[in-house]
C-alpha atoms as a PDB file:
ATOM      1  CA  MET A   1      -0.097  -0.372   0.247  1.00  0.00           C
ATOM      2  CA  ASN A   2       1.496   3.315  -1.411  1.00  0.00           C
ATOM      3  CA  ALA A   3       1.541   7.109   0.130  1.00  0.00           C
ATOM      4  CA  PHE A   4      -1.423   7.410  -2.098  1.00  0.00           C
ATOM      5  CA  THR A   5      -3.615   4.514  -0.931  1.00  0.00           C
ATOM      6  CA  SER A   6      -3.492   4.768   2.309  1.00  0.00           C
ATOM      7  CA  LYS A   7      -6.077   5.459   5.322  1.00  0.00           C
ATOM      8  CA  THR A   8      -6.093   9.458   5.880  1.00  0.00           C
ATOM      9  CA  ASN A   9      -3.712  10.596   8.387  1.00  0.00           C
ATOM     10  CA  PRO A  10      -5.062  10.932  11.903  1.00  0.00           C
ATOM     11  CA  ARG A  11      -3.915  14.275  11.929  1.00  0.00           C
ATOM     12  CA  PHE A  12      -6.378  15.552   9.341  1.00  0.00           C
ATOM     13  CA  ASP A  13      -9.563  13.860  10.947  1.00  0.00           C
ATOM     14  CA  PRO A  14     -12.321  15.911  10.910  1.00  0.00           C
ATOM     15  CA  SER A  15     -13.801  14.506  14.209  1.00  0.00           C
ATOM     16  CA  GLN A  16     -10.550  15.663  15.687  1.00  0.00           C
ATOM     17  CA  ARG A  17     -10.885  18.621  14.277  1.00  0.00           C
ATOM     18  CA  GLN A  18     -14.395  19.347  15.891  1.00  0.00           C
ATOM     19  CA  ASP A  19     -13.005  17.859  19.370  1.00  0.00           C
ATOM     20  CA  LYS A  20     -10.520  21.173  19.172  1.00  0.00           C
ATOM     21  CA  THR A  21     -12.804  23.387  18.282  1.00  0.00           C
ATOM     22  CA  LYS A  22     -15.426  22.471  21.206  1.00  0.00           C
ATOM     23  CA  THR A  23     -12.604  22.356  23.328  1.00  0.00           C
ATOM     24  CA  LEU A  24     -11.498  26.094  22.543  1.00  0.00           C
ATOM     25  CA  VAL A  25     -14.741  27.402  23.012  1.00  0.00           C
ATOM     26  CA  ILE A  26     -15.156  25.741  26.315  1.00  0.00           C
ATOM     27  CA  ALA A  27     -12.258  27.498  27.657  1.00  0.00           C
ATOM     28  CA  ASN A  28     -12.864  31.072  26.185  1.00  0.00           C
ATOM     29  CA  SER A  29     -15.914  30.721  27.854  1.00  0.00           C
ATOM     30  CA  ASN A  30     -14.175  30.793  30.804  1.00  0.00           C
ATOM     31  CA  ILE A  31     -12.358  33.960  29.860  1.00  0.00           C
ATOM     32  CA  ARG A  32     -13.802  37.475  31.057  1.00  0.00           C
ATOM     33  CA  GLN A  33     -15.199  39.277  28.090  1.00  0.00           C
ATOM     34  CA  PRO A  34     -14.645  43.202  27.388  1.00  0.00           C
ATOM     35  CA  ASP A  35     -18.106  43.704  28.298  1.00  0.00           C
ATOM     36  CA  SER A  36     -17.783  42.053  32.147  1.00  0.00           C
ATOM     37  CA  PHE A  37     -14.905  44.549  32.704  1.00  0.00           C
ATOM     38  CA  SER A  38     -16.530  47.547  30.916  1.00  0.00           C
ATOM     39  CA  LEU A  39     -19.804  47.046  33.701  1.00  0.00           C
ATOM     40  CA  VAL A  40     -17.435  47.328  36.430  1.00  0.00           C
ATOM     41  CA  GLU A  41     -15.993  50.608  34.986  1.00  0.00           C
ATOM     42  CA  ARG A  42     -19.762  52.018  34.473  1.00  0.00           C
ATOM     43  CA  LYS A  43     -20.410  51.118  38.298  1.00  0.00           C
ATOM     44  CA  MET A  44     -17.259  53.237  39.327  1.00  0.00           C
ATOM     45  CA  ALA A  45     -17.842  55.734  36.948  1.00  0.00           C
ATOM     46  CA  VAL A  46     -21.567  55.968  38.572  1.00  0.00           C
ATOM     47  CA  ARG A  47     -19.573  55.834  42.446  1.00  0.00           C
ATOM     48  CA  LEU A  48     -17.835  58.923  41.088  1.00  0.00           C
ATOM     49  CA  GLY A  49     -20.703  60.944  39.661  1.00  0.00           C
ATOM     50  CA  VAL A  50     -22.388  60.477  43.045  1.00  0.00           C
ATOM     51  CA  LYS A  51     -19.280  61.729  45.039  1.00  0.00           C
ATOM     52  CA  ARG A  52     -18.844  64.763  42.731  1.00  0.00           C
ATOM     53  CA  LEU A  53     -22.825  65.419  42.968  1.00  0.00           C
ATOM     54  CA  ILE A  54     -22.331  64.999  46.962  1.00  0.00           C
ATOM     55  CA  ASP A  55     -19.261  67.497  46.638  1.00  0.00           C
ATOM     56  CA  ILE A  56     -21.176  70.130  45.013  1.00  0.00           C
ATOM     57  CA  VAL A  57     -24.074  70.267  46.954  1.00  0.00           C
ATOM     58  CA  ALA A  58     -22.547  69.672  50.638  1.00  0.00           C
ATOM     59  CA  SER A  59     -20.173  72.567  49.482  1.00  0.00           C
ATOM     60  CA  VAL A  60     -22.362  74.925  48.526  1.00  0.00           C
ATOM     61  CA  SER A  61     -24.569  74.422  51.216  1.00  0.00           C
ATOM     62  CA  ALA A  62     -21.621  74.906  53.478  1.00  0.00           C
ATOM     63  CA  LEU A  63     -20.160  78.030  51.675  1.00  0.00           C
ATOM     64  CA  ILE A  64     -23.971  79.348  52.168  1.00  0.00           C
ATOM     65  CA  ALA A  65     -24.388  78.812  55.673  1.00  0.00           C
ATOM     66  CA  LEU A  66     -20.614  79.598  56.516  1.00  0.00           C
ATOM     67  CA  ALA A  67     -20.135  82.912  55.015  1.00  0.00           C
ATOM     68  CA  PRO A  68     -20.715  84.693  58.508  1.00  0.00           C
ATOM     69  CA  LEU A  69     -18.401  83.000  59.680  1.00  0.00           C
ATOM     70  CA  PHE A  70     -15.953  83.514  56.910  1.00  0.00           C
ATOM     71  CA  LEU A  71     -16.701  87.287  57.443  1.00  0.00           C
ATOM     72  CA  ALA A  72     -15.848  87.344  61.006  1.00  0.00           C
ATOM     73  CA  ILE A  73     -12.415  85.394  60.174  1.00  0.00           C
ATOM     74  CA  ALA A  74     -11.521  88.164  57.630  1.00  0.00           C
ATOM     75  CA  LEU A  75     -12.068  90.789  60.090  1.00  0.00           C
ATOM     76  CA  PHE A  76      -9.996  89.166  62.172  1.00  0.00           C
ATOM     77  CA  ILE A  77      -7.470  88.151  60.131  1.00  0.00           C
ATOM     78  CA  LYS A  78      -7.349  91.878  59.201  1.00  0.00           C
ATOM     79  CA  LEU A  79      -7.325  93.359  62.442  1.00  0.00           C
ATOM     80  CA  ASP A  80      -4.533  90.782  63.778  1.00  0.00           C
ATOM     81  CA  ASP A  81      -1.672  92.277  61.110  1.00  0.00           C
ATOM     82  CA  GLY A  82      -3.350  94.037  58.207  1.00  0.00           C
ATOM     83  CA  GLY A  83      -2.287  91.098  55.835  1.00  0.00           C
ATOM     84  CA  PRO A  84      -4.489  89.193  52.872  1.00  0.00           C
ATOM     85  CA  VAL A  85      -7.016  87.036  54.368  1.00  0.00           C
ATOM     86  CA  PHE A  86      -6.008  84.105  52.153  1.00  0.00           C
ATOM     87  CA  PHE A  87      -2.773  81.427  52.067  1.00  0.00           C
ATOM     88  CA  ARG A  88      -2.495  80.576  48.449  1.00  0.00           C
ATOM     89  CA  GLN A  89      -0.604  77.519  47.831  1.00  0.00           C
ATOM     90  CA  ILE A  90       0.078  75.437  44.474  1.00  0.00           C
ATOM     91  CA  ARG A  91      -0.251  72.168  45.216  1.00  0.00           C
ATOM     92  CA  TRP A  92      -0.973  68.214  43.686  1.00  0.00           C
ATOM     93  CA  GLY A  93      -4.262  67.657  42.413  1.00  0.00           C
ATOM     94  CA  LEU A  94      -6.250  64.951  39.997  1.00  0.00           C
ATOM     95  CA  ASN A  95      -3.648  62.957  37.703  1.00  0.00           C
ATOM     96  CA  GLY A  96      -0.614  65.044  38.933  1.00  0.00           C
ATOM     97  CA  ARG A  97      -1.835  68.816  37.834  1.00  0.00           C
ATOM     98  CA  LYS A  98      -1.217  71.417  39.650  1.00  0.00           C
ATOM     99  CA  ILE A  99      -3.937  73.310  41.592  1.00  0.00           C
ATOM    100  CA  THR A 100      -3.968  76.471  43.286  1.00  0.00           C
ATOM    101  CA  VAL A 101      -5.354  75.838  47.073  1.00  0.00           C
ATOM    102  CA  PHE A 102      -7.055  78.237  49.488  1.00  0.00           C
ATOM    103  CA  LYS A 103      -7.003  78.587  53.137  1.00  0.00           C
ATOM    104  CA  PHE A 104      -7.307  81.232  55.988  1.00  0.00           C
ATOM    105  CA  ARG A 105      -3.960  83.213  56.489  1.00  0.00           C
ATOM    106  CA  SER A 106      -2.686  81.724  59.737  1.00  0.00           C
ATOM    107  CA  MET A 107       1.013  83.194  59.894  1.00  0.00           C
ATOM    108  CA  ARG A 108       2.533  86.274  59.408  1.00  0.00           C
ATOM    109  CA  ALA A 109       2.593  87.396  55.712  1.00  0.00           C
ATOM    110  CA  GLU A 110       6.182  87.716  55.478  1.00  0.00           C
ATOM    111  CA  ALA A 111       6.968  84.646  56.968  1.00  0.00           C
ATOM    112  CA  CYS A 112       4.408  82.193  54.494  1.00  0.00           C
ATOM    113  CA  ASP A 113       6.113  79.783  52.823  1.00  0.00           C
ATOM    114  CA  PRO A 114       4.176  78.667  49.446  1.00  0.00           C
ATOM    115  CA  SER A 115       6.615  76.282  48.367  1.00  0.00           C
ATOM    116  CA  GLY A 116       5.765  74.058  51.320  1.00  0.00           C
ATOM    117  CA  ILE A 117       9.375  73.000  52.018  1.00  0.00           C
ATOM    118  CA  GLN A 118       9.295  74.443  55.463  1.00  0.00           C
ATOM    119  CA  GLN A 119       6.058  72.802  57.064  1.00  0.00           C
ATOM    120  CA  THR A 120       4.420  73.937  60.163  1.00  0.00           C
ATOM    121  CA  VAL A 121       5.590  72.722  63.417  1.00  0.00           C
ATOM    122  CA  LYS A 122       4.131  72.972  67.266  1.00  0.00           C
ATOM    123  CA  GLY A 123       5.085  76.029  69.185  1.00  0.00           C
ATOM    124  CA  ASP A 124       6.138  77.447  65.349  1.00  0.00           C
ATOM    125  CA  SER A 125       6.940  81.124  65.451  1.00  0.00           C
ATOM    126  CA  ARG A 126       5.833  82.355  62.649  1.00  0.00           C
ATOM    127  CA  VAL A 127       1.487  81.823  63.925  1.00  0.00           C
ATOM    128  CA  THR A 128      -0.242  84.404  64.424  1.00  0.00           C
ATOM    129  CA  GLY A 129      -2.452  84.858  67.060  1.00  0.00           C
ATOM    130  CA  ILE A 130      -6.036  84.514  65.135  1.00  0.00           C
ATOM    131  CA  GLY A 131      -3.975  82.161  63.266  1.00  0.00           C
ATOM    132  CA  SER A 132      -3.344  79.752  66.234  1.00  0.00           C
ATOM    133  CA  VAL A 133      -7.056  79.149  66.995  1.00  0.00           C
ATOM    134  CA  LEU A 134      -8.306  78.681  63.141  1.00  0.00           C
ATOM    135  CA  ARG A 135      -5.173  76.015  63.285  1.00  0.00           C
ATOM    136  CA  LYS A 136      -6.431  73.987  66.326  1.00  0.00           C
ATOM    137  CA  THR A 137      -9.945  74.380  65.050  1.00  0.00           C
ATOM    138  CA  ASN A 138      -8.372  73.117  61.825  1.00  0.00           C
ATOM    139  CA  ILE A 139     -11.196  76.238  60.408  1.00  0.00           C
ATOM    140  CA  ASP A 140      -8.371  77.669  58.090  1.00  0.00           C
ATOM    141  CA  GLU A 141      -8.918  75.036  55.682  1.00  0.00           C
ATOM    142  CA  LEU A 142     -12.481  75.859  55.086  1.00  0.00           C
ATOM    143  CA  PRO A 143     -11.469  77.677  52.429  1.00  0.00           C
ATOM    144  CA  GLN A 144     -10.758  74.808  50.457  1.00  0.00           C
ATOM    145  CA  LEU A 145     -14.698  74.015  49.978  1.00  0.00           C
ATOM    146  CA  PHE A 146     -14.095  76.758  47.020  1.00  0.00           C
ATOM    147  CA  ASN A 147     -11.688  74.003  45.663  1.00  0.00           C
ATOM    148  CA  VAL A 148     -13.876  71.508  46.263  1.00  0.00           C
ATOM    149  CA  LEU A 149     -16.791  74.096  44.265  1.00  0.00           C
ATOM    150  CA  MET A 150     -14.661  74.495  41.592  1.00  0.00           C
ATOM    151  CA  GLY A 151     -13.926  70.367  40.710  1.00  0.00           C
ATOM    152  CA  GLU A 152     -10.146  70.793  41.862  1.00  0.00           C
ATOM    153  CA  MET A 153     -10.472  68.837  45.498  1.00  0.00           C
ATOM    154  CA  SER A 154     -13.253  66.797  46.781  1.00  0.00           C
ATOM    155  CA  LEU A 155     -14.730  66.280  50.615  1.00  0.00           C
ATOM    156  CA  VAL A 156     -12.618  62.869  51.073  1.00  0.00           C
ATOM    157  CA  GLY A 157      -9.395  62.197  49.412  1.00  0.00           C
ATOM    158  CA  PRO A 158      -5.582  61.726  49.902  1.00  0.00           C
ATOM    159  CA  ARG A 159      -4.710  65.029  51.386  1.00  0.00           C
ATOM    160  CA  CYS A 160      -3.335  67.579  49.034  1.00  0.00           C
ATOM    161  CA  HIS A 161       0.357  67.851  49.433  1.00  0.00           C
ATOM    162  CA  ALA A 162       2.515  70.929  48.430  1.00  0.00           C
ATOM    163  CA  ILE A 163       4.512  70.327  45.232  1.00  0.00           C
ATOM    164  CA  ASN A 164       7.612  70.521  46.879  1.00  0.00           C
ATOM    165  CA  MET A 165       6.937  69.117  50.184  1.00  0.00           C
ATOM    166  CA  ARG A 166       9.290  67.213  51.841  1.00  0.00           C
ATOM    167  CA  ALA A 167       9.559  63.932  53.845  1.00  0.00           C
ATOM    168  CA  ALA A 168      12.199  62.994  55.917  1.00  0.00           C
ATOM    169  CA  GLY A 169      14.151  65.759  53.879  1.00  0.00           C
ATOM    170  CA  GLN A 170      13.553  64.162  50.862  1.00  0.00           C
ATOM    171  CA  LEU A 171      10.652  65.007  48.272  1.00  0.00           C
ATOM    172  CA  TYR A 172       7.875  62.889  48.795  1.00  0.00           C
ATOM    173  CA  GLU A 173       8.379  60.882  45.451  1.00  0.00           C
ATOM    174  CA  GLU A 174      11.911  60.342  45.778  1.00  0.00           C
ATOM    175  CA  LEU A 175      11.045  58.552  49.439  1.00  0.00           C
ATOM    176  CA  VAL A 176       8.033  56.353  47.985  1.00  0.00           C
ATOM    177  CA  PRO A 177       7.840  55.422  44.436  1.00  0.00           C
ATOM    178  CA  ASP A 178       4.033  55.171  44.410  1.00  0.00           C
ATOM    179  CA  TYR A 179       3.733  58.469  45.870  1.00  0.00           C
ATOM    180  CA  HIS A 180       1.947  59.635  42.602  1.00  0.00           C
ATOM    181  CA  TYR A 181      -0.707  56.887  42.057  1.00  0.00           C
ATOM    182  CA  ARG A 182      -2.736  58.967  45.163  1.00  0.00           C
ATOM    183  CA  HIS A 183      -3.297  61.419  42.195  1.00  0.00           C
ATOM    184  CA  ILE A 184      -5.357  58.898  40.447  1.00  0.00           C
ATOM    185  CA  MET A 185      -8.243  60.593  42.523  1.00  0.00           C
ATOM    186  CA  ARG A 186      -8.808  63.895  43.130  1.00  0.00           C
ATOM    187  CA  PRO A 187      -7.545  65.342  46.962  1.00  0.00           C
ATOM    188  CA  GLY A 188      -9.633  65.665  49.702  1.00  0.00           C
ATOM    189  CA  ILE A 189      -9.919  68.129  52.939  1.00  0.00           C
ATOM    190  CA  THR A 190      -9.595  65.315  55.071  1.00  0.00           C
ATOM    191  CA  GLY A 191      -8.596  61.751  54.354  1.00  0.00           C
ATOM    192  CA  LEU A 192      -8.006  58.160  55.602  1.00  0.00           C
ATOM    193  CA  ALA A 193      -4.645  58.954  56.934  1.00  0.00           C
ATOM    194  CA  GLN A 194      -5.594  61.768  59.207  1.00  0.00           C
ATOM    195  CA  THR A 195      -8.466  59.745  61.014  1.00  0.00           C
ATOM    196  CA  ARG A 196      -5.743  57.331  61.157  1.00  0.00           C
ATOM    197  CA  GLY A 197      -3.701  59.730  63.270  1.00  0.00           C
ATOM    198  CA  TRP A 198      -0.954  60.523  60.160  1.00  0.00           C
ATOM    199  CA  ARG A 199      -0.577  64.257  60.157  1.00  0.00           C
ATOM    200  CA  GLY A 200       1.203  66.796  60.906  1.00  0.00           C
ATOM    201  CA  PRO A 201       5.121  67.228  60.181  1.00  0.00           C
ATOM    202  CA  THR A 202       6.839  64.180  58.668  1.00  0.00           C
ATOM    203  CA  ALA A 203      10.484  63.881  59.854  1.00  0.00           C
ATOM    204  CA  ARG A 204      10.728  60.018  59.934  1.00  0.00           C
ATOM    205  CA  PRO A 205      10.182  58.041  56.708  1.00  0.00           C
ATOM    206  CA  LEU A 206       7.916  55.497  58.569  1.00  0.00           C
ATOM    207  CA  ALA A 207       5.237  58.097  59.222  1.00  0.00           C
ATOM    208  CA  ALA A 208       5.825  59.652  56.030  1.00  0.00           C
ATOM    209  CA  ARG A 209       5.511  55.813  54.187  1.00  0.00           C
ATOM    210  CA  ALA A 210       2.677  55.067  56.677  1.00  0.00           C
ATOM    211  CA  ARG A 211       0.427  58.274  55.251  1.00  0.00           C
ATOM    212  CA  ILE A 212       0.999  57.217  52.040  1.00  0.00           C
ATOM    213  CA  ALA A 213       0.382  53.553  52.292  1.00  0.00           C
ATOM    214  CA  CYS A 214      -3.287  55.053  53.835  1.00  0.00           C
ATOM    215  CA  ASP A 215      -3.861  56.606  50.412  1.00  0.00           C
ATOM    216  CA  ILE A 216      -2.947  54.519  47.934  1.00  0.00           C
ATOM    217  CA  TYR A 217      -5.267  52.091  50.141  1.00  0.00           C
ATOM    218  CA  TYR A 218      -8.148  54.482  49.808  1.00  0.00           C
ATOM    219  CA  VAL A 219      -7.681  54.787  46.296  1.00  0.00           C
ATOM    220  CA  ARG A 220      -7.557  50.994  45.659  1.00  0.00           C
ATOM    221  CA  ASN A 221     -11.016  50.601  47.658  1.00  0.00           C
ATOM    222  CA  PHE A 222     -12.728  53.946  47.517  1.00  0.00           C
ATOM    223  CA  SER A 223     -16.614  53.480  47.900  1.00  0.00           C
ATOM    224  CA  LEU A 224     -19.249  56.269  48.846  1.00  0.00           C
ATOM    225  CA  LEU A 225     -19.463  54.021  52.448  1.00  0.00           C
ATOM    226  CA  LEU A 226     -15.854  54.455  52.908  1.00  0.00           C
ATOM    227  CA  ASP A 227     -15.950  58.320  52.126  1.00  0.00           C
ATOM    228  CA  LEU A 228     -19.147  58.584  54.921  1.00  0.00           C
ATOM    229  CA  LYS A 229     -17.054  56.378  57.097  1.00  0.00           C
ATOM    230  CA  ILE A 230     -14.026  58.930  57.260  1.00  0.00           C
ATOM    231  CA  LEU A 231     -16.065  62.011  57.343  1.00  0.00           C
ATOM    232  CA  PHE A 232     -17.725  60.767  60.235  1.00  0.00           C
ATOM    233  CA  LYS A 233     -14.612  59.900  62.307  1.00  0.00           C
ATOM    234  CA  THR A 234     -13.234  63.480  61.086  1.00  0.00           C
ATOM    235  CA  VAL A 235     -16.523  65.050  62.765  1.00  0.00           C
ATOM    236  CA  VAL A 236     -15.878  63.087  65.641  1.00  0.00           C
ATOM    237  CA  ILE A 237     -12.348  63.887  66.272  1.00  0.00           C
ATOM    238  CA  GLU A 238     -12.648  67.779  65.485  1.00  0.00           C
ATOM    239  CA  LEU A 239     -15.505  67.897  68.345  1.00  0.00           C
ATOM    240  CA  ARG A 240     -12.949  65.780  71.116  1.00  0.00           C
ATOM    241  CA  GLY A 241     -10.188  68.810  70.289  1.00  0.00           C
ATOM    242  CA  GLY A 242      -9.077  68.380  66.914  1.00  0.00           C
ATOM    243  CA  THR A 243      -5.832  67.375  65.764  1.00  0.00           C
ATOM    244  CA  GLY A 244      -4.431  70.782  64.130  1.00  0.00           C
ATOM    245  CA  PHE A 245      -1.670  72.908  66.109  1.00  0.00           C
END
């Protein structure tokens, strides 16, 4: 029997080809299709949309309700040393964009450090009389509600850092390789790190890394419920005396 009269080569058996095709179909059925991923993205988009809506409603309501307080604070700051009411600083925003953040000025005008290199410490001689009250109660942070309304910040998120802010004498991005991952979301007036006690000067590398670890955890595990928990804990901390200085 020669090659032309031999039986069909088993490798080309049509039934085996059908079996292979069937196996591939079964295997592919276990792979998540693009539709599955888009559903997750849609859910996240909805959550972020609701978060933004809450930011707008809350910031507008707070700015209206606090308008008399803002005017009173502005008057006290002017009477204290006659300098500008607001302190402006360039900080990291969403996706690494640079934004101008507003605070009530709590230090002598000539001693303010817009670069963020010189961090505030307890008993800082640069702080004014009214400034010490504003910082202790964290009222100096309230003008950031304008940043929230403009869409540059959120009520809750990783805390907004100055561009040149140092940790243990190094730029944060040099000390923590994943530092900029925290900028995937809008910075917040309050955040997870602050409710866990990681606030103030970062003279030690461990404290700086712990703070960023909290920020990254928040970004990876964001939910509206987590935001509510952080807001609630922030209010409780402030009612107990706050953590500002």
